[in-house]
Amino acid sequence: MKATLYVHHDAALLGNKIFSDEPINGMKRDTYLYAALCKVLSQRGIELATQDIHPPQESDLIICLDQPMQFQHFVRTRPGQKLHLILTEPATYYPENWLVENHAPFDRILTYDPTRVDNTRYFQYHYAIDFKDFPRYKRPSEEEFAARKLCVLMAAAFGVVKPPKGSGSLLYERYQTLKWFSEHHPEEFDLFSRGISPKTYVSFRGAGFLSKVLPTYALQLVSKRRERVFARVNRGSVPPNQKIEILQHYRFPISYENTGDTPGYLTEKLFDALAAACVPIYLGHADASRLVPAECFINRSDFRSHEELYQFLKGMGYEEYARYLDASEAFLKSPAMQLLSTEYNAHLMAGVLTQPH
């Protein structure tokens, strides 16, 4: 059987590149779930390829990856042709993907949001983590703990302007944490980023209007000040697949999700920190502890200010730190981890996508 994985029109994904192990844009690939799915479907006699190789009209099975609007007027061309949707991008940034009315063309929808699941049209999967690539867990000794730098943040996306009321975006919170450490304790904080967009420095609410009423030099001053916030702590980019190795030089990675308003949205940020035997400072959806024990991480929401958080981190001795590590190591070795693995979710997805209706 011929099948199509319909992806974003991106040269890094098309041509079946989404199924490879090569980094994308200098980052560790996070599409290994689809490489695993391709293998599982192949074992079931289904040949999966991207839309430039297998046009949807020629396939018996079409799997749409975050592209529901492309199929609103799709006309099925083959008897028994199935059309399914996988939702991965959060509703915060792609609200149209999550509108129920935009799901009408699809037979089944796979989502990590448990509140949507009815096991009739909506089925759950988890944001898969490539645990096989994790190094052997290396718990730091007390001496290694003492030698580790306090905090690190690895990210490229930041919001320098507070989001509209009701938005679940956490990009502004990420920037606020970076800014606080950059201004108060830059010697204890490192940023690793593959590149900050120049647009970040000149982002303003009502930018078009401000550019007309404020002199150019005033906007440039704000832009330069923001740029210095990043430059003061920026250590450059991380080579692909070396993130965990670098995290091992720090006690507390800042592990904020891009959004906190979608249940089940729990990405690699938290797990990479746990694998590095660090104690992550996590900010995301309130249901994170449903999948990862709360004893494994520090919840940023428990602190009223950055100063309060900083004092807590600075005051933590090795004995208390080790209790977090005990919980993390136990979790990483537990059966609960398998619910988040690439292999488990690839088989789960394949079962939903190929199950007779």
Protein backbone atom coordinates (compact mmCIF):
# COMPACT_ATOMS: atom_id res chain seq x y z
CA MET A 1 0.00 0.00 0.00
CA LYS A 2 1.19 3.49 -0.85
CA ALA A 3 0.95 6.18 1.84
CA THR A 4 1.71 9.91 2.01
CA LEU A 5 3.09 11.90 4.93
CA TYR A 6 2.02 15.45 4.09
CA VAL A 7 4.52 17.83 5.73
CA HIS A 8 5.30 21.54 5.68
CA HIS A 9 6.67 22.59 2.29
CA ASP A 10 10.24 22.73 3.58
CA ALA A 11 13.29 21.40 1.75
CA ALA A 12 14.60 20.07 5.07
CA LEU A 13 11.59 17.73 5.30
CA LEU A 14 10.62 16.93 1.71
CA GLY A 15 12.28 14.26 -0.39
CA ASN A 16 11.82 11.87 2.55
CA LYS A 17 14.40 13.86 4.52
CA ILE A 18 12.03 13.86 7.48
CA PHE A 19 12.85 10.16 7.83
CA SER A 20 16.63 10.67 8.01
CA ASP A 21 18.89 11.11 11.03
CA GLU A 22 20.55 14.30 9.81
CA PRO A 23 20.27 17.50 11.91
CA ILE A 24 17.88 20.22 10.71
CA ASN A 25 19.25 23.77 10.57
CA GLY A 26 22.05 22.91 12.97
CA MET A 27 19.73 21.37 15.57
CA LYS A 28 19.26 17.84 16.78
CA ARG A 29 16.44 16.40 14.71
CA ASP A 30 13.13 16.07 16.56
CA THR A 31 11.36 14.14 13.80
CA TYR A 32 12.74 10.68 14.70
CA LEU A 33 9.17 9.67 15.59
CA TYR A 34 8.29 9.79 11.89
CA ALA A 35 11.37 7.80 10.92
CA ALA A 36 10.22 5.16 13.40
CA LEU A 37 6.64 5.37 12.10
CA CYS A 38 7.91 4.86 8.56
CA LYS A 39 9.67 1.64 9.63
CA VAL A 40 6.67 0.31 11.54
CA LEU A 41 4.34 0.96 8.60
CA SER A 42 6.83 -0.68 6.25
CA GLN A 43 6.66 -3.83 8.39
CA ARG A 44 2.91 -3.76 7.77
CA GLY A 45 3.34 -3.52 4.01
CA ILE A 46 2.76 0.24 3.80
CA GLU A 47 5.27 2.39 1.92
CA LEU A 48 5.31 5.90 3.44
CA ALA A 49 6.83 8.89 1.62
CA THR A 50 6.48 12.67 1.60
CA GLN A 51 3.99 14.31 -0.76
CA ASP A 52 6.57 15.19 -3.41
CA ILE A 53 7.30 11.46 -3.84
CA HIS A 54 3.82 10.07 -3.13
CA PRO A 55 1.22 12.65 -4.24
CA PRO A 56 -1.84 12.38 -1.98
CA GLN A 57 -4.15 11.65 -4.91
CA GLU A 58 -2.19 8.45 -5.60
CA SER A 59 -2.10 7.13 -2.03
CA ASP A 60 -4.49 4.87 -0.15
CA LEU A 61 -3.45 6.40 3.18
CA ILE A 62 -2.76 10.11 3.71
CA ILE A 63 -1.26 11.30 6.99
CA CYS A 64 -1.37 15.06 7.34
CA LEU A 65 1.22 16.52 9.72
CA ASP A 66 -0.07 19.87 11.03
CA GLN A 67 -1.52 20.92 7.67
CA PRO A 68 -5.32 20.68 8.05
CA MET A 69 -6.03 23.78 5.99
CA GLN A 70 -4.46 22.11 2.94
CA PHE A 71 -7.22 19.50 2.94
CA GLN A 72 -10.38 21.52 3.54
CA HIS A 73 -11.51 20.94 -0.04
CA PHE A 74 -9.73 17.68 -0.72
CA VAL A 75 -11.64 15.27 -2.95
CA ARG A 76 -10.87 11.62 -2.33
CA THR A 77 -9.72 9.94 -5.52
CA ARG A 78 -9.54 6.27 -4.56
CA PRO A 79 -12.02 3.78 -3.05
CA GLY A 80 -11.38 3.39 0.67
CA GLN A 81 -8.85 6.23 0.74
CA LYS A 82 -8.15 7.29 4.34
CA LEU A 83 -7.19 10.78 5.51
CA HIS A 84 -5.76 11.27 9.00
CA LEU A 85 -4.33 14.25 10.89
CA ILE A 86 -1.50 14.41 13.43
CA LEU A 87 -1.39 17.54 15.58
CA THR A 88 2.06 18.48 16.88
CA GLU A 89 2.34 22.28 16.83
CA PRO A 90 0.63 23.90 19.85
CA ALA A 91 -2.59 25.84 19.57
CA THR A 92 -0.87 28.96 20.94
CA TYR A 93 0.89 29.54 17.63
CA TYR A 94 -1.30 27.53 15.22
CA PRO A 95 -4.88 28.00 16.50
CA GLU A 96 -6.45 27.11 13.15
CA ASN A 97 -4.94 23.61 13.36
CA TRP A 98 -6.95 22.87 16.51
CA LEU A 99 -10.37 24.16 15.47
CA VAL A 100 -12.85 21.28 15.42
CA GLU A 101 -14.46 22.58 12.24
CA ASN A 102 -11.11 22.27 10.46
CA HIS A 103 -10.96 18.59 11.39
CA ALA A 104 -14.12 17.70 9.46
CA PRO A 105 -12.29 16.28 6.39
CA PHE A 106 -10.28 13.79 8.49
CA ASP A 107 -11.21 10.27 9.53
CA ARG A 108 -9.02 10.27 12.63
CA ILE A 109 -6.98 12.82 14.53
CA LEU A 110 -3.95 12.02 16.68
CA THR A 111 -3.22 14.51 19.47
CA TYR A 112 -1.17 14.73 22.67
CA ASP A 113 -3.98 16.72 24.32
CA PRO A 114 -5.81 14.20 26.57
CA THR A 115 -8.84 16.48 26.88
CA ARG A 116 -9.59 15.94 23.18
CA VAL A 117 -9.39 12.16 23.20
CA ASP A 118 -12.58 10.14 22.67
CA ASN A 119 -10.99 7.05 21.04
CA THR A 120 -13.49 7.36 18.21
CA ARG A 121 -12.05 10.17 16.08
CA TYR A 122 -9.51 11.65 18.48
CA PHE A 123 -6.71 9.40 19.72
CA GLN A 124 -3.82 10.16 22.02
CA TYR A 125 -0.11 9.86 21.47
CA HIS A 126 2.70 11.48 23.46
CA TYR A 127 5.36 13.87 22.25
CA ALA A 128 7.99 11.19 21.72
CA ILE A 129 11.47 11.33 23.22
CA ASP A 130 14.43 9.58 21.59
CA PHE A 131 15.66 7.84 24.72
CA LYS A 132 17.99 5.55 22.76
CA ASP A 133 20.24 8.54 22.05
CA PHE A 134 20.54 9.41 25.74
CA PRO A 135 23.99 8.76 27.21
CA ARG A 136 24.43 6.49 30.21
CA TYR A 137 23.13 8.29 33.27
CA LYS A 138 26.14 9.83 35.05
CA ARG A 139 25.30 11.15 38.46
CA PRO A 140 27.61 14.03 39.51
CA SER A 141 29.67 13.60 42.64
CA GLU A 142 29.63 16.28 45.32
CA GLU A 143 32.87 17.66 43.88
CA GLU A 144 31.41 17.74 40.37
CA PHE A 145 28.28 19.42 41.68
CA ALA A 146 30.43 22.13 43.29
CA ALA A 147 32.31 22.66 40.02
CA ARG A 148 29.17 23.03 37.90
CA LYS A 149 28.02 26.50 36.89
CA LEU A 150 24.66 27.55 38.29
CA CYS A 151 22.30 28.02 35.32
CA VAL A 152 22.08 27.50 31.57
CA LEU A 153 19.47 28.21 28.93
CA MET A 154 19.45 26.67 25.44
CA ALA A 155 16.93 28.34 23.14
CA ALA A 156 16.51 30.47 20.05
CA ALA A 157 12.93 31.69 20.42
CA PHE A 158 12.22 34.62 22.77
CA GLY A 159 9.43 37.12 23.18
CA VAL A 160 10.65 40.54 24.27
CA VAL A 161 7.10 41.91 24.34
CA LYS A 162 4.49 40.65 26.79
CA PRO A 163 1.96 38.52 24.90
CA PRO A 164 -1.71 39.48 24.67
CA LYS A 165 -3.87 38.61 27.66
CA GLY A 166 -4.98 35.00 27.49
CA SER A 167 -2.06 33.83 25.37
CA GLY A 168 -0.30 30.72 26.58
CA SER A 169 3.04 31.74 25.08
CA LEU A 170 5.99 31.39 27.46
CA LEU A 171 8.52 33.07 25.18
CA TYR A 172 8.24 36.31 27.16
CA GLU A 173 8.78 34.47 30.45
CA ARG A 174 11.88 32.88 28.94
CA TYR A 175 13.18 36.29 27.97
CA GLN A 176 12.41 37.74 31.41
CA THR A 177 14.47 35.01 33.08
CA LEU A 178 17.33 35.55 30.65
CA LYS A 179 17.15 39.30 31.19
CA TRP A 180 17.15 39.02 34.98
CA PHE A 181 20.21 36.79 35.09
CA SER A 182 21.98 38.87 32.44
CA GLU A 183 21.48 42.03 34.50
CA HIS A 184 22.01 40.61 38.01
CA HIS A 185 24.22 37.49 37.84
CA PRO A 186 25.72 37.12 34.35
CA GLU A 187 28.73 35.27 35.78
CA GLU A 188 26.44 32.42 36.89
CA PHE A 189 24.37 32.08 33.75
CA ASP A 190 25.08 30.98 30.16
CA LEU A 191 22.90 31.18 27.06
CA PHE A 192 23.46 28.86 24.11
CA SER A 193 21.56 29.76 20.96
CA ARG A 194 21.91 28.94 17.29
CA GLY A 195 21.05 32.56 16.56
CA ILE A 196 18.74 35.28 17.79
CA SER A 197 16.67 36.84 15.02
CA PRO A 198 17.47 40.57 14.61
CA LYS A 199 13.70 41.14 14.61
CA THR A 200 13.69 40.14 18.28
CA TYR A 201 15.56 43.30 19.27
CA VAL A 202 13.19 45.66 17.44
CA SER A 203 9.92 43.99 18.41
CA PHE A 204 7.35 46.38 19.89
CA ARG A 205 3.61 46.22 20.35
CA GLY A 206 2.30 48.71 17.85
CA ALA A 207 5.69 48.83 16.12
CA GLY A 208 4.27 50.43 13.00
CA PHE A 209 2.79 53.34 14.93
CA LEU A 210 5.86 53.78 17.17
CA SER A 211 8.16 53.94 14.16
CA LYS A 212 6.16 56.97 12.98
CA VAL A 213 5.98 58.92 16.23
CA LEU A 214 9.34 58.13 17.84
CA PRO A 215 12.68 59.25 16.43
CA THR A 216 14.76 56.49 14.86
CA TYR A 217 17.54 56.85 17.41
CA ALA A 218 15.10 56.18 20.29
CA LEU A 219 14.08 52.84 18.77
CA GLN A 220 17.70 52.02 18.07
CA LEU A 221 18.61 52.66 21.72
CA VAL A 222 15.99 50.17 22.89
CA SER A 223 17.15 47.68 20.29
CA LYS A 224 20.80 48.01 21.37
CA ARG A 225 19.89 47.62 25.02
CA ARG A 226 18.05 44.40 24.29
CA GLU A 227 20.90 43.15 22.15
CA ARG A 228 23.32 43.71 25.05
CA VAL A 229 21.07 41.62 27.32
CA PHE A 230 21.64 38.63 25.05
CA ALA A 231 25.28 39.37 24.21
CA ARG A 232 26.29 39.55 27.88
CA VAL A 233 25.57 35.84 28.42
CA ASN A 234 25.49 34.30 24.93
CA ARG A 235 28.08 31.55 24.41
CA GLY A 236 27.16 30.68 20.83
CA SER A 237 25.52 27.62 19.37
CA VAL A 238 25.58 24.01 20.48
CA PRO A 239 26.79 21.43 17.94
CA PRO A 240 24.01 19.02 16.93
CA ASN A 241 23.62 16.08 19.30
CA GLN A 242 25.89 17.61 21.98
CA LYS A 243 23.19 19.30 24.02
CA ILE A 244 23.20 16.78 26.87
CA GLU A 245 26.99 16.76 27.05
CA ILE A 246 27.04 20.53 27.52
CA LEU A 247 24.17 20.50 30.02
CA GLN A 248 26.30 18.28 32.26
CA HIS A 249 28.43 21.33 33.12
CA TYR A 250 25.48 23.06 34.86
CA ARG A 251 23.32 22.47 37.93
CA PHE A 252 20.04 23.99 36.77
CA PRO A 253 18.93 24.21 33.12
CA ILE A 254 16.16 26.71 32.41
CA SER A 255 13.62 24.41 30.74
CA TYR A 256 10.63 26.52 29.71
CA GLU A 257 8.27 25.22 27.05
CA ASN A 258 7.29 27.53 24.19
CA THR A 259 3.72 27.42 25.47
CA GLY A 260 1.88 26.46 28.60
CA ASP A 261 -1.74 26.36 27.46
CA THR A 262 -1.92 22.98 25.72
CA PRO A 263 -2.39 19.90 27.95
CA GLY A 264 0.05 17.12 27.13
CA TYR A 265 2.55 19.44 25.43
CA LEU A 266 5.72 18.17 27.11
CA THR A 267 8.79 18.33 24.88
CA GLU A 268 12.44 17.28 25.02
CA LYS A 269 13.49 20.33 27.06
CA LEU A 270 12.69 18.67 30.37
CA PHE A 271 13.97 15.22 29.42
CA ASP A 272 17.33 16.39 28.06
CA ALA A 273 17.99 18.06 31.42
CA LEU A 274 17.03 14.90 33.34
CA ALA A 275 19.26 12.78 31.10
CA ALA A 276 22.18 15.11 31.84
CA ALA A 277 21.70 14.47 35.58
CA CYS A 278 20.73 18.10 36.13
CA VAL A 279 17.77 19.52 38.00
CA PRO A 280 15.65 21.45 35.48
CA ILE A 281 13.72 24.61 36.28
CA TYR A 282 10.53 23.85 34.42
CA LEU A 283 7.69 26.03 33.19
CA GLY A 284 4.92 24.56 31.09
CA HIS A 285 1.39 23.24 31.40
CA ALA A 286 0.20 22.47 34.91
CA ASP A 287 -0.37 18.80 34.02
CA ALA A 288 3.34 18.08 33.44
CA SER A 289 3.51 16.14 36.70
CA ARG A 290 0.94 13.73 35.25
CA LEU A 291 3.76 12.34 33.10
CA VAL A 292 6.89 13.30 35.05
CA PRO A 293 6.98 13.16 38.88
CA ALA A 294 7.10 16.64 40.39
CA GLU A 295 10.04 15.53 42.55
CA CYS A 296 12.24 15.46 39.42
CA PHE A 297 12.18 19.18 38.68
CA ILE A 298 11.84 22.67 40.14
CA ASN A 299 8.54 24.28 39.18
CA ARG A 300 9.13 27.92 38.25
CA SER A 301 5.51 28.67 39.13
CA ASP A 302 6.29 28.01 42.80
CA PHE A 303 8.36 31.22 43.02
CA ARG A 304 7.07 34.77 43.15
CA SER A 305 10.16 36.38 41.63
CA HIS A 306 13.47 35.65 39.97
CA GLU A 307 15.25 36.79 43.11
CA GLU A 308 13.35 34.24 45.18
CA LEU A 309 14.18 31.53 42.66
CA TYR A 310 17.84 32.55 42.61
CA GLN A 311 18.13 32.43 46.39
CA PHE A 312 16.58 28.95 46.39
CA LEU A 313 19.07 27.72 43.78
CA LYS A 314 22.08 29.27 45.49
CA GLY A 315 21.07 27.82 48.83
CA MET A 316 20.67 24.26 47.58
CA GLY A 317 23.36 21.94 48.86
CA TYR A 318 24.40 18.61 47.41
CA GLU A 319 22.20 16.56 49.74
CA GLU A 320 19.04 18.32 48.59
CA TYR A 321 20.21 18.27 44.97
CA ALA A 322 20.77 14.50 45.26
CA ARG A 323 17.14 13.96 46.26
CA TYR A 324 16.06 15.42 42.91
CA LEU A 325 18.58 13.15 41.18
CA ASP A 326 17.22 10.10 43.03
CA ALA A 327 13.73 10.86 41.74
CA SER A 328 14.99 11.54 38.20
CA GLU A 329 17.06 8.37 37.99
CA ALA A 330 14.17 6.28 39.28
CA PHE A 331 11.85 7.84 36.71
CA LEU A 332 14.29 7.36 33.83
CA LYS A 333 14.45 3.65 34.66
CA SER A 334 10.71 3.23 35.19
CA PRO A 335 8.12 1.65 32.85
CA ALA A 336 6.35 5.06 32.79
CA MET A 337 9.14 6.34 30.53
CA GLN A 338 8.16 3.89 27.84
CA LEU A 339 4.89 5.74 27.29
CA LEU A 340 7.01 8.62 25.98
CA SER A 341 9.42 6.58 23.87
CA THR A 342 9.75 6.79 20.11
CA GLU A 343 9.10 3.07 19.62
CA TYR A 344 5.98 2.97 21.77
CA ASN A 345 4.42 5.98 20.08
CA ALA A 346 5.35 4.84 16.57
CA HIS A 347 3.53 1.54 17.16
CA LEU A 348 0.61 3.33 18.83
CA MET A 349 0.25 5.70 15.87
CA ALA A 350 0.52 2.91 13.32
CA GLY A 351 -2.24 1.02 15.08
CA VAL A 352 -4.60 4.00 14.97
CA LEU A 353 -3.72 4.91 11.38
CA THR A 354 -4.23 1.41 9.99
CA GLN A 355 -7.09 0.17 12.16
CA PRO A 356 -10.17 -0.63 10.06
CA HIS A 357 -13.01 1.86 10.51
